[in-house]
Amino acid sequence: MKLSGKLDYLEMPATGGMLDRLKAFYSTAFAWSFTDYGPTYSAFAEGLDGGFQADASEAPAKPLPVLYSQNLEDAFAAVESAGGAIIRPIYPFPGGRRFHFADPAGNELAVWGE
C-alpha cells in the first residue's frame, strides 16, 4: 500500500548511452529485471521501485528520491509552506503526475500521485 509522504521510488540517470550497460550490470551483479517504457526509460522493482532515465532532457543530475502523495496539490502546498523551493511545478508523466522540489539543503526530490 502506498502511503503519502513516504519514499516510493528512486530515479537514476542513465545518459550518454549508458542505459543498456546499466541494465546489463545490475542484471549480472544482482539479478535485477527491468520493464522498458520506450527507448529511454527502464524501470525496476528490486526492494524499492525505481528506474533509469536515459533521456538527457529528463534525467536527474543525481539519483532522485521520489515520494508518494494521495493528494498532490496538498503535498505541493505543504512543501512550499515548509520552505521547500519548487524546481518543477506539477506536470503529467506516464503513470500519473508529479513535481520536483529542493529541500533546505538543496537536495532535489520529487513527489508523485496517481
N, C-alpha and C. Protein backbone atom coordinates (compact mmCIF):
# COMPACT_ATOMS: atom_id res chain seq x y z
N MET A 1 0.83 -1.17 0.00
CA MET A 1 0.00 0.00 0.00
C MET A 1 0.89 1.25 0.00
N LYS A 2 0.58 2.17 -0.87
CA LYS A 2 1.33 3.41 -0.96
C LYS A 2 0.85 4.38 0.11
N LEU A 3 1.80 5.03 0.79
CA LEU A 3 1.48 5.96 1.85
C LEU A 3 2.02 7.34 1.50
N SER A 4 1.20 8.36 1.73
CA SER A 4 1.61 9.73 1.46
C SER A 4 2.84 10.10 2.28
N GLY A 5 3.78 10.79 1.64
CA GLY A 5 4.96 11.28 2.32
C GLY A 5 6.07 10.27 2.52
N LYS A 6 5.89 9.05 2.03
CA LYS A 6 6.91 8.01 2.20
C LYS A 6 7.68 7.82 0.90
N LEU A 7 8.97 7.46 1.02
CA LEU A 7 9.76 7.16 -0.17
C LEU A 7 9.10 6.02 -0.93
N ASP A 8 8.98 6.22 -2.24
CA ASP A 8 8.25 5.26 -3.05
C ASP A 8 9.03 4.82 -4.28
N TYR A 9 10.02 5.61 -4.71
CA TYR A 9 10.65 5.36 -5.99
C TYR A 9 12.01 6.04 -6.01
N LEU A 10 12.94 5.50 -6.76
CA LEU A 10 14.25 6.12 -6.93
C LEU A 10 14.57 6.16 -8.41
N GLU A 11 14.73 7.36 -8.95
CA GLU A 11 15.04 7.52 -10.36
C GLU A 11 16.51 7.90 -10.50
N MET A 12 17.21 7.24 -11.42
CA MET A 12 18.64 7.49 -11.58
C MET A 12 18.96 7.79 -13.03
N PRO A 13 19.94 8.66 -13.27
CA PRO A 13 20.31 8.99 -14.64
C PRO A 13 21.00 7.82 -15.34
N ALA A 14 20.79 7.75 -16.66
CA ALA A 14 21.44 6.73 -17.48
C ALA A 14 21.79 7.34 -18.83
N THR A 15 22.22 8.58 -18.82
CA THR A 15 22.50 9.30 -20.07
C THR A 15 23.81 8.85 -20.68
N GLY A 16 24.10 9.37 -21.86
CA GLY A 16 25.36 9.05 -22.54
C GLY A 16 25.43 7.63 -23.04
N GLY A 17 24.30 7.04 -23.41
CA GLY A 17 24.31 5.68 -23.93
C GLY A 17 24.51 4.61 -22.88
N MET A 18 24.26 4.95 -21.61
CA MET A 18 24.53 4.02 -20.51
C MET A 18 23.36 3.09 -20.18
N LEU A 19 22.18 3.30 -20.72
CA LEU A 19 21.01 2.52 -20.29
C LEU A 19 21.24 1.02 -20.43
N ASP A 20 21.63 0.56 -21.59
CA ASP A 20 21.85 -0.88 -21.78
C ASP A 20 22.98 -1.41 -20.90
N ARG A 21 24.04 -0.61 -20.73
CA ARG A 21 25.15 -1.04 -19.87
C ARG A 21 24.72 -1.15 -18.41
N LEU A 22 23.90 -0.18 -17.94
CA LEU A 22 23.42 -0.24 -16.56
C LEU A 22 22.50 -1.43 -16.35
N LYS A 23 21.61 -1.67 -17.29
CA LYS A 23 20.72 -2.83 -17.18
C LYS A 23 21.53 -4.13 -17.14
N ALA A 24 22.53 -4.23 -18.00
CA ALA A 24 23.37 -5.43 -18.01
C ALA A 24 24.13 -5.58 -16.70
N PHE A 25 24.67 -4.48 -16.19
CA PHE A 25 25.41 -4.52 -14.93
C PHE A 25 24.52 -5.02 -13.79
N TYR A 26 23.37 -4.38 -13.57
CA TYR A 26 22.51 -4.76 -12.45
C TYR A 26 21.89 -6.14 -12.64
N SER A 27 21.65 -6.53 -13.89
CA SER A 27 21.15 -7.89 -14.15
C SER A 27 22.20 -8.92 -13.78
N THR A 28 23.44 -8.67 -14.16
CA THR A 28 24.53 -9.61 -13.89
C THR A 28 24.93 -9.62 -12.42
N ALA A 29 25.11 -8.43 -11.85
CA ALA A 29 25.60 -8.35 -10.47
C ALA A 29 24.56 -8.74 -9.43
N PHE A 30 23.28 -8.38 -9.67
CA PHE A 30 22.27 -8.57 -8.63
C PHE A 30 21.00 -9.28 -9.11
N ALA A 31 21.00 -9.77 -10.35
CA ALA A 31 19.86 -10.48 -10.93
C ALA A 31 18.60 -9.62 -11.01
N TRP A 32 18.78 -8.31 -11.22
CA TRP A 32 17.63 -7.43 -11.38
C TRP A 32 16.97 -7.70 -12.73
N SER A 33 15.65 -7.45 -12.77
CA SER A 33 14.92 -7.49 -14.04
C SER A 33 14.32 -6.11 -14.29
N PHE A 34 14.01 -5.83 -15.55
CA PHE A 34 13.60 -4.50 -15.95
C PHE A 34 12.35 -4.54 -16.81
N THR A 35 11.58 -3.46 -16.76
CA THR A 35 10.46 -3.23 -17.65
C THR A 35 10.75 -1.94 -18.41
N ASP A 36 10.84 -2.05 -19.73
CA ASP A 36 11.14 -0.88 -20.55
C ASP A 36 9.87 -0.11 -20.86
N TYR A 37 9.97 1.20 -20.76
CA TYR A 37 8.90 2.12 -21.13
C TYR A 37 9.44 3.03 -22.21
N GLY A 38 9.50 2.53 -23.42
CA GLY A 38 10.09 3.26 -24.52
C GLY A 38 11.59 3.06 -24.55
N PRO A 39 12.26 3.75 -25.47
CA PRO A 39 13.70 3.54 -25.66
C PRO A 39 14.60 4.22 -24.63
N THR A 40 14.03 5.12 -23.80
CA THR A 40 14.89 5.88 -22.89
C THR A 40 14.57 5.68 -21.41
N TYR A 41 13.67 4.74 -21.08
CA TYR A 41 13.34 4.56 -19.67
C TYR A 41 13.16 3.08 -19.36
N SER A 42 13.79 2.65 -18.30
CA SER A 42 13.67 1.26 -17.87
C SER A 42 13.47 1.24 -16.36
N ALA A 43 12.39 0.59 -15.93
CA ALA A 43 12.04 0.54 -14.50
C ALA A 43 12.47 -0.77 -13.88
N PHE A 44 12.66 -0.72 -12.56
CA PHE A 44 12.99 -1.93 -11.80
C PHE A 44 12.15 -1.97 -10.54
N ALA A 45 11.97 -3.15 -10.00
CA ALA A 45 11.25 -3.36 -8.73
C ALA A 45 12.09 -4.32 -7.91
N GLU A 46 13.07 -3.76 -7.21
CA GLU A 46 14.06 -4.59 -6.52
C GLU A 46 14.18 -4.15 -5.06
N GLY A 47 13.10 -4.21 -4.30
CA GLY A 47 13.09 -3.75 -2.92
C GLY A 47 12.42 -2.39 -2.85
N LEU A 48 13.04 -1.40 -3.44
CA LEU A 48 12.45 -0.09 -3.66
C LEU A 48 12.33 0.05 -5.17
N ASP A 49 11.13 0.34 -5.65
CA ASP A 49 10.95 0.51 -7.09
C ASP A 49 11.75 1.70 -7.58
N GLY A 50 12.13 1.67 -8.84
CA GLY A 50 12.87 2.77 -9.42
C GLY A 50 13.03 2.62 -10.90
N GLY A 51 13.82 3.49 -11.49
CA GLY A 51 14.04 3.41 -12.92
C GLY A 51 15.25 4.21 -13.34
N PHE A 52 15.75 3.88 -14.53
CA PHE A 52 16.86 4.59 -15.15
C PHE A 52 16.32 5.45 -16.28
N GLN A 53 16.67 6.74 -16.29
CA GLN A 53 16.22 7.68 -17.31
C GLN A 53 17.39 8.00 -18.23
N ALA A 54 17.28 7.64 -19.51
CA ALA A 54 18.34 7.88 -20.47
C ALA A 54 18.13 9.15 -21.29
N ASP A 55 16.94 9.72 -21.25
CA ASP A 55 16.67 10.96 -21.97
C ASP A 55 17.35 12.11 -21.24
N ALA A 56 18.37 12.70 -21.85
CA ALA A 56 19.16 13.74 -21.18
C ALA A 56 18.31 14.93 -20.76
N SER A 57 17.23 15.22 -21.47
CA SER A 57 16.38 16.36 -21.10
C SER A 57 15.50 16.05 -19.89
N GLU A 58 15.35 14.80 -19.54
CA GLU A 58 14.51 14.38 -18.42
C GLU A 58 15.30 13.78 -17.26
N ALA A 59 16.53 13.35 -17.50
CA ALA A 59 17.31 12.63 -16.49
C ALA A 59 17.73 13.55 -15.35
N PRO A 60 17.61 13.07 -14.11
CA PRO A 60 18.10 13.87 -12.99
C PRO A 60 19.63 13.89 -13.02
N ALA A 61 20.22 14.95 -12.48
CA ALA A 61 21.68 15.05 -12.43
C ALA A 61 22.26 14.04 -11.45
N LYS A 62 21.52 13.73 -10.41
CA LYS A 62 21.90 12.77 -9.37
C LYS A 62 20.70 11.86 -9.14
N PRO A 63 20.86 10.78 -8.38
CA PRO A 63 19.70 9.96 -8.04
C PRO A 63 18.60 10.84 -7.45
N LEU A 64 17.37 10.57 -7.86
CA LEU A 64 16.22 11.38 -7.47
C LEU A 64 15.27 10.57 -6.60
N PRO A 65 15.24 10.80 -5.28
CA PRO A 65 14.24 10.14 -4.43
C PRO A 65 12.86 10.69 -4.77
N VAL A 66 11.89 9.80 -4.87
CA VAL A 66 10.53 10.20 -5.21
C VAL A 66 9.59 9.73 -4.11
N LEU A 67 8.84 10.67 -3.54
CA LEU A 67 7.85 10.36 -2.51
C LEU A 67 6.49 10.23 -3.17
N TYR A 68 5.57 9.58 -2.49
CA TYR A 68 4.21 9.40 -2.99
C TYR A 68 3.27 10.32 -2.22
N SER A 69 2.21 10.78 -2.87
CA SER A 69 1.17 11.55 -2.18
C SER A 69 -0.19 11.18 -2.74
N GLN A 70 -1.13 10.96 -1.85
CA GLN A 70 -2.51 10.71 -2.27
C GLN A 70 -3.16 11.99 -2.79
N ASN A 71 -2.66 13.16 -2.38
CA ASN A 71 -3.18 14.44 -2.86
C ASN A 71 -2.00 15.33 -3.23
N LEU A 72 -1.70 15.37 -4.52
CA LEU A 72 -0.51 16.06 -4.99
C LEU A 72 -0.56 17.57 -4.71
N GLU A 73 -1.72 18.16 -4.87
CA GLU A 73 -1.84 19.60 -4.61
C GLU A 73 -1.57 19.92 -3.15
N ASP A 74 -2.06 19.10 -2.23
CA ASP A 74 -1.79 19.31 -0.80
C ASP A 74 -0.30 19.17 -0.51
N ALA A 75 0.35 18.18 -1.12
CA ALA A 75 1.79 17.98 -0.91
C ALA A 75 2.57 19.17 -1.46
N PHE A 76 2.16 19.67 -2.61
CA PHE A 76 2.81 20.84 -3.22
C PHE A 76 2.73 22.03 -2.27
N ALA A 77 1.54 22.28 -1.74
CA ALA A 77 1.34 23.40 -0.81
C ALA A 77 2.15 23.20 0.47
N ALA A 78 2.21 21.97 0.96
CA ALA A 78 2.96 21.69 2.19
C ALA A 78 4.45 21.91 1.99
N VAL A 79 4.97 21.51 0.84
CA VAL A 79 6.39 21.72 0.54
C VAL A 79 6.70 23.21 0.49
N GLU A 80 5.85 23.96 -0.19
CA GLU A 80 6.06 25.41 -0.27
C GLU A 80 6.00 26.08 1.10
N SER A 81 4.99 25.71 1.89
CA SER A 81 4.83 26.37 3.20
C SER A 81 5.93 25.98 4.18
N ALA A 82 6.56 24.81 3.96
CA ALA A 82 7.65 24.38 4.84
C ALA A 82 8.99 24.99 4.42
N GLY A 83 9.02 25.72 3.30
CA GLY A 83 10.25 26.36 2.88
C GLY A 83 10.97 25.67 1.75
N GLY A 84 10.35 24.65 1.15
CA GLY A 84 10.96 23.99 0.00
C GLY A 84 10.87 24.87 -1.23
N ALA A 85 11.82 24.74 -2.12
CA ALA A 85 11.83 25.51 -3.37
C ALA A 85 11.33 24.62 -4.50
N ILE A 86 10.26 25.04 -5.16
CA ILE A 86 9.73 24.28 -6.28
C ILE A 86 10.67 24.43 -7.47
N ILE A 87 11.15 23.29 -7.96
CA ILE A 87 12.05 23.27 -9.12
C ILE A 87 11.26 23.07 -10.40
N ARG A 88 10.25 22.21 -10.33
CA ARG A 88 9.40 21.92 -11.48
C ARG A 88 7.97 21.74 -10.98
N PRO A 89 7.05 22.62 -11.39
CA PRO A 89 5.67 22.51 -10.92
C PRO A 89 5.01 21.20 -11.36
N ILE A 90 3.84 20.93 -10.86
CA ILE A 90 3.11 19.69 -11.18
C ILE A 90 2.99 19.53 -12.69
N TYR A 91 3.33 18.33 -13.16
CA TYR A 91 3.23 18.01 -14.59
C TYR A 91 2.85 16.55 -14.74
N PRO A 92 2.23 16.18 -15.87
CA PRO A 92 1.87 14.78 -16.10
C PRO A 92 3.06 13.98 -16.63
N PHE A 93 3.06 12.69 -16.33
CA PHE A 93 4.03 11.75 -16.90
C PHE A 93 3.31 10.41 -17.02
N PRO A 94 3.83 9.47 -17.80
CA PRO A 94 3.16 8.17 -17.91
C PRO A 94 3.03 7.52 -16.53
N GLY A 95 1.82 7.36 -16.06
CA GLY A 95 1.59 6.74 -14.76
C GLY A 95 1.02 7.70 -13.72
N GLY A 96 1.02 9.00 -13.99
CA GLY A 96 0.48 9.93 -13.01
C GLY A 96 0.93 11.36 -13.25
N ARG A 97 1.13 12.08 -12.14
CA ARG A 97 1.62 13.45 -12.18
C ARG A 97 2.65 13.61 -11.07
N ARG A 98 3.52 14.60 -11.20
CA ARG A 98 4.50 14.83 -10.15
C ARG A 98 5.04 16.25 -10.20
N PHE A 99 5.79 16.61 -9.14
CA PHE A 99 6.53 17.86 -9.12
C PHE A 99 7.87 17.62 -8.46
N HIS A 100 8.82 18.53 -8.72
CA HIS A 100 10.16 18.43 -8.13
C HIS A 100 10.38 19.63 -7.22
N PHE A 101 11.14 19.40 -6.14
CA PHE A 101 11.46 20.49 -5.22
C PHE A 101 12.85 20.29 -4.65
N ALA A 102 13.39 21.36 -4.07
CA ALA A 102 14.66 21.28 -3.34
C ALA A 102 14.36 21.51 -1.87
N ASP A 103 14.95 20.67 -1.03
CA ASP A 103 14.81 20.86 0.41
C ASP A 103 15.77 21.97 0.86
N PRO A 104 15.74 22.38 2.13
CA PRO A 104 16.60 23.48 2.56
C PRO A 104 18.10 23.25 2.35
N ALA A 105 18.55 22.00 2.24
CA ALA A 105 19.96 21.72 1.99
C ALA A 105 20.29 21.67 0.50
N GLY A 106 19.26 21.85 -0.34
CA GLY A 106 19.47 21.84 -1.78
C GLY A 106 19.30 20.48 -2.44
N ASN A 107 18.90 19.46 -1.68
CA ASN A 107 18.66 18.14 -2.26
C ASN A 107 17.39 18.17 -3.10
N GLU A 108 17.47 17.63 -4.32
CA GLU A 108 16.29 17.57 -5.17
C GLU A 108 15.52 16.27 -4.90
N LEU A 109 14.21 16.40 -4.73
CA LEU A 109 13.31 15.27 -4.58
C LEU A 109 12.10 15.54 -5.47
N ALA A 110 11.30 14.52 -5.66
CA ALA A 110 10.04 14.65 -6.39
C ALA A 110 8.93 14.03 -5.57
N VAL A 111 7.71 14.45 -5.85
CA VAL A 111 6.52 13.85 -5.24
C VAL A 111 5.60 13.49 -6.39
N TRP A 112 5.06 12.28 -6.36
CA TRP A 112 4.15 11.86 -7.43
C TRP A 112 2.82 11.39 -6.85
N GLY A 113 1.81 11.43 -7.68
CA GLY A 113 0.49 10.92 -7.33
C GLY A 113 -0.18 10.38 -8.58
N GLU A 114 -1.19 9.55 -8.36
CA GLU A 114 -1.88 8.92 -9.48
C GLU A 114 -2.92 9.84 -10.09
